[in-house]
Amino acid sequence: MDDSFQELVSLIKEKAVNRRALVISADDINLESERKNTIYLLELGESNAAGGRAGGFGQRNVTRITCFDAENDVWIKLVDIFESSKLKDFESPHYAATMSLILPDSSEAIVAGVVDQILVKEYNEKFIQSE
């Protein structure tokens, strides 16, 4: 398993499964046999409010954005942004819901996120093409 793929799986297991990160992807996620996909992990700041927002309202505080891209089963990390000015006014999608994904060992994980090709394209333009 290459380093980028290993990091992606680790972040999903440590952050996304525990709802401390949102998963945004271009397509459904099957890490057992992923051919092509782009996955953003939006790590959320610590909060005492339910869901990271006061009573379910307000803004989620995104503290880190990481993006991984797969093509022909080769994963590379494209973005890793911590606490920068790019995150200051960044809003995560309010329509994220629970979704399942398949891990490399064929097990299923339930995470909070969304499959949205248009949103991934917008993130690519904002975070990759502006580098």
C-alpha atoms as a PDB file:
ATOM      1  CA  MET A   1       0.000   0.000   0.000  1.00  0.00           C
ATOM      2  CA  ASP A   2       1.525   3.358  -0.979  1.00  0.00           C
ATOM      3  CA  ASP A   3       1.929   6.196   1.549  1.00  0.00           C
ATOM      4  CA  SER A   4      -0.873   8.408   0.200  1.00  0.00           C
ATOM      5  CA  PHE A   5      -3.351   5.541   0.187  1.00  0.00           C
ATOM      6  CA  GLN A   6      -2.275   4.482   3.677  1.00  0.00           C
ATOM      7  CA  GLU A   7      -2.780   8.070   4.925  1.00  0.00           C
ATOM      8  CA  LEU A   8      -6.227   8.283   3.297  1.00  0.00           C
ATOM      9  CA  VAL A   9      -7.389   5.044   4.929  1.00  0.00           C
ATOM     10  CA  SER A  10      -5.952   6.125   8.275  1.00  0.00           C
ATOM     11  CA  LEU A  11      -7.709   9.527   8.148  1.00  0.00           C
ATOM     12  CA  ILE A  12     -11.004   7.887   7.240  1.00  0.00           C
ATOM     13  CA  LYS A  13     -10.741   5.419  10.123  1.00  0.00           C
ATOM     14  CA  GLU A  14      -9.514   7.970  12.688  1.00  0.00           C
ATOM     15  CA  LYS A  15     -11.430  11.109  11.720  1.00  0.00           C
ATOM     16  CA  ALA A  16     -14.314  10.414   9.343  1.00  0.00           C
ATOM     17  CA  VAL A  17     -15.777   7.369  11.086  1.00  0.00           C
ATOM     18  CA  ASN A  18     -15.816   9.347  14.359  1.00  0.00           C
ATOM     19  CA  ARG A  19     -17.545  12.295  12.608  1.00  0.00           C
ATOM     20  CA  ARG A  20     -14.552  14.593  13.102  1.00  0.00           C
ATOM     21  CA  ALA A  21     -14.216  14.958   9.330  1.00  0.00           C
ATOM     22  CA  LEU A  22     -16.569  15.235   6.380  1.00  0.00           C
ATOM     23  CA  VAL A  23     -15.872  13.154   3.289  1.00  0.00           C
ATOM     24  CA  ILE A  24     -16.536  14.786  -0.069  1.00  0.00           C
ATOM     25  CA  SER A  25     -15.990  12.647  -3.155  1.00  0.00           C
ATOM     26  CA  ALA A  26     -16.561  12.769  -6.882  1.00  0.00           C
ATOM     27  CA  ASP A  27     -17.975   9.219  -6.931  1.00  0.00           C
ATOM     28  CA  ASP A  28     -19.039   6.495  -4.515  1.00  0.00           C
ATOM     29  CA  ILE A  29     -16.024   5.293  -2.538  1.00  0.00           C
ATOM     30  CA  ASN A  30     -14.792   1.722  -2.781  1.00  0.00           C
ATOM     31  CA  LEU A  31     -11.187   1.622  -1.531  1.00  0.00           C
ATOM     32  CA  GLU A  32     -11.050  -2.095  -2.214  1.00  0.00           C
ATOM     33  CA  SER A  33     -10.871  -1.477  -5.970  1.00  0.00           C
ATOM     34  CA  GLU A  34     -10.841   2.268  -6.657  1.00  0.00           C
ATOM     35  CA  ARG A  35     -10.002   3.073 -10.265  1.00  0.00           C
ATOM     36  CA  LYS A  36     -10.631   6.824 -10.381  1.00  0.00           C
ATOM     37  CA  ASN A  37     -11.920   9.161  -7.718  1.00  0.00           C
ATOM     38  CA  THR A  38     -11.131  12.375  -5.901  1.00  0.00           C
ATOM     39  CA  ILE A  39     -11.733  12.492  -2.166  1.00  0.00           C
ATOM     40  CA  TYR A  40     -11.622  15.545   0.091  1.00  0.00           C
ATOM     41  CA  LEU A  41     -11.486  15.170   3.864  1.00  0.00           C
ATOM     42  CA  LEU A  42     -12.606  18.260   5.748  1.00  0.00           C
ATOM     43  CA  GLU A  43     -11.426  17.953   9.344  1.00  0.00           C
ATOM     44  CA  LEU A  44     -13.666  19.709  11.829  1.00  0.00           C
ATOM     45  CA  GLY A  45     -12.557  21.702  14.853  1.00  0.00           C
ATOM     46  CA  GLU A  46     -13.442  20.587  18.350  1.00  0.00           C
ATOM     47  CA  SER A  47     -16.742  21.905  19.648  1.00  0.00           C
ATOM     48  CA  ASN A  48     -19.054  21.234  22.551  1.00  0.00           C
ATOM     49  CA  ALA A  49     -22.128  21.709  20.365  1.00  0.00           C
ATOM     50  CA  ALA A  50     -23.929  18.792  18.756  1.00  0.00           C
ATOM     51  CA  GLY A  51     -22.551  18.138  15.300  1.00  0.00           C
ATOM     52  CA  GLY A  52     -19.956  20.848  15.774  1.00  0.00           C
ATOM     53  CA  ARG A  53     -22.609  23.528  15.421  1.00  0.00           C
ATOM     54  CA  ALA A  54     -24.790  25.193  18.036  1.00  0.00           C
ATOM     55  CA  GLY A  55     -28.047  23.234  18.092  1.00  0.00           C
ATOM     56  CA  GLY A  56     -27.373  22.103  14.527  1.00  0.00           C
ATOM     57  CA  PHE A  57     -27.197  25.695  13.293  1.00  0.00           C
ATOM     58  CA  GLY A  58     -24.250  27.828  12.330  1.00  0.00           C
ATOM     59  CA  GLN A  59     -20.961  27.004  10.722  1.00  0.00           C
ATOM     60  CA  ARG A  60     -18.732  23.972  11.048  1.00  0.00           C
ATOM     61  CA  ASN A  61     -15.180  25.013  11.834  1.00  0.00           C
ATOM     62  CA  VAL A  62     -12.907  23.357   9.224  1.00  0.00           C
ATOM     63  CA  THR A  63      -9.322  23.135  10.495  1.00  0.00           C
ATOM     64  CA  ARG A  64      -7.715  21.047   7.754  1.00  0.00           C
ATOM     65  CA  ILE A  65      -8.481  20.104   4.171  1.00  0.00           C
ATOM     66  CA  THR A  66      -6.807  17.110   2.578  1.00  0.00           C
ATOM     67  CA  CYS A  67      -7.419  15.875  -0.951  1.00  0.00           C
ATOM     68  CA  PHE A  68      -6.471  12.520  -2.433  1.00  0.00           C
ATOM     69  CA  ASP A  69      -6.827  11.555  -6.073  1.00  0.00           C
ATOM     70  CA  ALA A  70      -6.813   8.078  -7.587  1.00  0.00           C
ATOM     71  CA  GLU A  71      -6.228   7.101 -11.147  1.00  0.00           C
ATOM     72  CA  ASN A  72      -5.702   3.446 -12.109  1.00  0.00           C
ATOM     73  CA  ASP A  73      -5.340   2.460  -8.432  1.00  0.00           C
ATOM     74  CA  VAL A  74      -2.499   4.954  -7.833  1.00  0.00           C
ATOM     75  CA  TRP A  75      -3.253   7.444  -5.057  1.00  0.00           C
ATOM     76  CA  ILE A  76      -1.588  10.814  -4.634  1.00  0.00           C
ATOM     77  CA  LYS A  77      -2.176  13.528  -2.065  1.00  0.00           C
ATOM     78  CA  LEU A  78      -2.947  16.751  -3.933  1.00  0.00           C
ATOM     79  CA  VAL A  79      -3.810  19.107  -1.069  1.00  0.00           C
ATOM     80  CA  ASP A  80      -3.016  19.373   2.631  1.00  0.00           C
ATOM     81  CA  ILE A  81      -4.030  22.738   4.089  1.00  0.00           C
ATOM     82  CA  PHE A  82      -3.853  23.517   7.825  1.00  0.00           C
ATOM     83  CA  GLU A  83      -5.224  26.630   9.523  1.00  0.00           C
ATOM     84  CA  SER A  84      -4.431  28.940   6.592  1.00  0.00           C
ATOM     85  CA  SER A  85      -6.211  32.005   5.284  1.00  0.00           C
ATOM     86  CA  LYS A  86      -7.873  29.724   2.712  1.00  0.00           C
ATOM     87  CA  LEU A  87      -9.792  28.110   5.581  1.00  0.00           C
ATOM     88  CA  LYS A  88     -10.850  31.336   7.308  1.00  0.00           C
ATOM     89  CA  ASP A  89     -14.131  31.836   5.441  1.00  0.00           C
ATOM     90  CA  PHE A  90     -14.454  28.298   4.095  1.00  0.00           C
ATOM     91  CA  GLU A  91     -17.901  26.777   4.468  1.00  0.00           C
ATOM     92  CA  SER A  92     -18.399  23.040   4.391  1.00  0.00           C
ATOM     93  CA  PRO A  93     -21.501  21.713   2.646  1.00  0.00           C
ATOM     94  CA  HIS A  94     -24.585  21.979   4.853  1.00  0.00           C
ATOM     95  CA  TYR A  95     -26.265  19.096   3.052  1.00  0.00           C
ATOM     96  CA  ALA A  96     -23.739  16.426   4.125  1.00  0.00           C
ATOM     97  CA  ALA A  97     -25.415  13.283   5.434  1.00  0.00           C
ATOM     98  CA  THR A  98     -24.349   9.814   6.487  1.00  0.00           C
ATOM     99  CA  MET A  99     -23.030   7.654   3.690  1.00  0.00           C
ATOM    100  CA  SER A 100     -21.242   4.350   3.455  1.00  0.00           C
ATOM    101  CA  LEU A 101     -17.913   3.565   1.870  1.00  0.00           C
ATOM    102  CA  ILE A 102     -15.946   0.369   1.388  1.00  0.00           C
ATOM    103  CA  LEU A 103     -12.531   0.065   3.074  1.00  0.00           C
ATOM    104  CA  PRO A 104      -9.625  -1.944   1.586  1.00  0.00           C
ATOM    105  CA  ASP A 105     -10.461  -4.976   3.757  1.00  0.00           C
ATOM    106  CA  SER A 106     -14.004  -5.084   2.252  1.00  0.00           C
ATOM    107  CA  SER A 107     -15.594  -3.764   5.453  1.00  0.00           C
ATOM    108  CA  GLU A 108     -18.102  -0.947   5.307  1.00  0.00           C
ATOM    109  CA  ALA A 109     -17.662   2.359   7.135  1.00  0.00           C
ATOM    110  CA  ILE A 110     -20.375   4.921   7.777  1.00  0.00           C
ATOM    111  CA  VAL A 111     -19.167   8.527   7.516  1.00  0.00           C
ATOM    112  CA  ALA A 112     -20.657  11.989   7.161  1.00  0.00           C
ATOM    113  CA  GLY A 113     -20.243  13.414   3.701  1.00  0.00           C
ATOM    114  CA  VAL A 114     -21.520  13.764   0.204  1.00  0.00           C
ATOM    115  CA  VAL A 115     -20.854  12.479  -3.306  1.00  0.00           C
ATOM    116  CA  ASP A 116     -20.892  15.578  -5.488  1.00  0.00           C
ATOM    117  CA  GLN A 117     -18.833  15.937  -8.677  1.00  0.00           C
ATOM    118  CA  ILE A 118     -19.642  19.635  -9.007  1.00  0.00           C
ATOM    119  CA  LEU A 119     -18.500  20.398  -5.456  1.00  0.00           C
ATOM    120  CA  VAL A 120     -15.264  18.449  -6.002  1.00  0.00           C
ATOM    121  CA  LYS A 121     -14.659  20.462  -9.174  1.00  0.00           C
ATOM    122  CA  GLU A 122     -15.213  23.718  -7.221  1.00  0.00           C
ATOM    123  CA  TYR A 123     -12.793  22.563  -4.503  1.00  0.00           C
ATOM    124  CA  ASN A 124     -10.222  21.607  -7.156  1.00  0.00           C
ATOM    125  CA  GLU A 125     -10.451  25.089  -8.657  1.00  0.00           C
ATOM    126  CA  LYS A 126     -10.145  26.725  -5.242  1.00  0.00           C
ATOM    127  CA  PHE A 127      -7.435  24.602  -3.654  1.00  0.00           C
ATOM    128  CA  ILE A 128      -5.444  22.969  -6.453  1.00  0.00           C
ATOM    129  CA  GLN A 129      -5.474  25.354  -9.383  1.00  0.00           C
ATOM    130  CA  SER A 130      -4.790  28.382  -7.170  1.00  0.00           C
ATOM    131  CA  GLU A 131      -1.590  26.878  -5.697  1.00  0.00           C
END
